[in-house]
């Protein structure tokens, strides 16, 4: 019967060294290092949503200004027609 190789005891090895997550203690938490692929994908999707929302807000604002201008011209025409 072959002899098994000796096993390493996991308790003696200790935990793997953790990468520091924040730059300095006592300051605002800011992650350091390269972002994960999942985080980048989600950030890109969120950026797209924000750009789309800002575009819709701009279209609404321009439409409101156009309607205000039209209403002003109509009101001036009706009031000063006399």
Protein backbone atom coordinates (compact mmCIF):
# COMPACT_ATOMS: atom_id res chain seq x y z
CA UNK A 1 0.00 0.00 0.00
CA UNK A 2 1.43 3.45 -0.98
CA UNK A 3 2.09 5.98 1.73
CA UNK A 4 0.02 9.19 1.52
CA UNK A 5 1.84 12.50 1.37
CA UNK A 6 1.64 14.50 4.61
CA UNK A 7 -1.18 17.07 4.67
CA UNK A 8 -0.61 20.68 5.47
CA UNK A 9 -2.62 21.83 8.43
CA UNK A 10 -4.73 24.84 7.38
CA UNK A 11 -4.83 26.28 10.87
CA UNK A 12 -1.05 26.62 10.98
CA UNK A 13 -0.90 28.40 7.61
CA UNK A 14 -3.06 31.30 8.82
CA UNK A 15 -5.44 33.37 6.73
CA UNK A 16 -4.37 34.78 3.40
CA UNK A 17 -3.22 38.40 3.64
CA UNK A 18 -6.12 40.72 2.89
CA UNK A 19 -5.75 43.50 0.37
CA UNK A 20 -6.41 46.92 1.97
CA UNK A 21 -9.82 48.17 0.91
CA UNK A 22 -9.52 51.81 1.94
CA UNK A 23 -6.77 54.36 1.55
CA UNK A 24 -6.35 55.86 5.06
CA UNK A 25 -8.04 55.14 8.35
CA UNK A 26 -10.20 57.95 9.67
CA UNK A 27 -10.96 59.43 6.26
CA UNK A 28 -13.84 59.03 3.86
CA UNK A 29 -13.92 55.42 2.69
CA UNK A 30 -12.57 55.13 -0.83
CA UNK A 31 -11.88 51.79 -2.39
CA UNK A 32 -8.40 51.32 -3.81
CA UNK A 33 -7.11 49.04 -6.50
CA UNK A 34 -8.62 47.94 -9.76
CA UNK A 35 -12.44 47.61 -9.89
CA UNK A 36 -13.87 44.21 -10.66
CA UNK A 37 -15.34 43.39 -14.05
CA UNK A 38 -18.84 43.16 -12.54
CA UNK A 39 -18.47 46.58 -10.93
CA UNK A 40 -17.32 48.13 -14.20
CA UNK A 41 -20.20 46.55 -16.12
CA UNK A 42 -22.74 47.82 -13.58
CA UNK A 43 -21.14 51.29 -13.50
CA UNK A 44 -21.31 51.48 -17.30
CA UNK A 45 -24.98 50.51 -17.26
CA UNK A 46 -25.71 53.09 -14.55
CA UNK A 47 -23.87 55.76 -16.56
CA UNK A 48 -26.10 54.93 -19.53
CA UNK A 49 -29.22 55.32 -17.41
CA UNK A 50 -28.04 58.69 -16.07
CA UNK A 51 -27.24 59.99 -19.57
CA UNK A 52 -30.65 58.86 -20.81
CA UNK A 53 -32.38 60.53 -17.85
CA UNK A 54 -30.47 63.79 -18.41
CA UNK A 55 -31.44 63.73 -22.08
CA UNK A 56 -35.11 63.31 -21.14
CA UNK A 57 -34.87 66.16 -18.62
CA UNK A 58 -33.31 68.40 -21.28
CA UNK A 59 -36.04 67.55 -23.80
CA UNK A 60 -38.71 68.27 -21.19
CA UNK A 61 -37.10 71.61 -20.26
CA UNK A 62 -36.81 72.70 -23.90
CA UNK A 63 -40.40 71.64 -24.58
CA UNK A 64 -41.58 73.60 -21.55
CA UNK A 65 -39.70 76.70 -22.70
CA UNK A 66 -41.17 76.41 -26.21
CA UNK A 67 -44.70 76.08 -24.79
CA UNK A 68 -44.07 79.06 -22.50
CA UNK A 69 -42.90 81.12 -25.47
CA UNK A 70 -45.94 80.14 -27.54
CA UNK A 71 -48.28 80.93 -24.64
CA UNK A 72 -46.60 84.31 -24.18
CA UNK A 73 -47.04 85.22 -27.85
CA UNK A 74 -50.69 84.10 -27.82
CA UNK A 75 -51.37 85.99 -24.57
CA UNK A 76 -49.78 89.17 -25.96
CA UNK A 77 -51.82 88.83 -29.16
CA UNK A 78 -55.08 88.37 -27.23
CA UNK A 79 -54.42 91.14 -24.67
CA UNK A 80 -53.12 93.80 -27.05
CA UNK A 81 -55.55 93.04 -29.90
CA UNK A 82 -57.98 95.71 -28.69
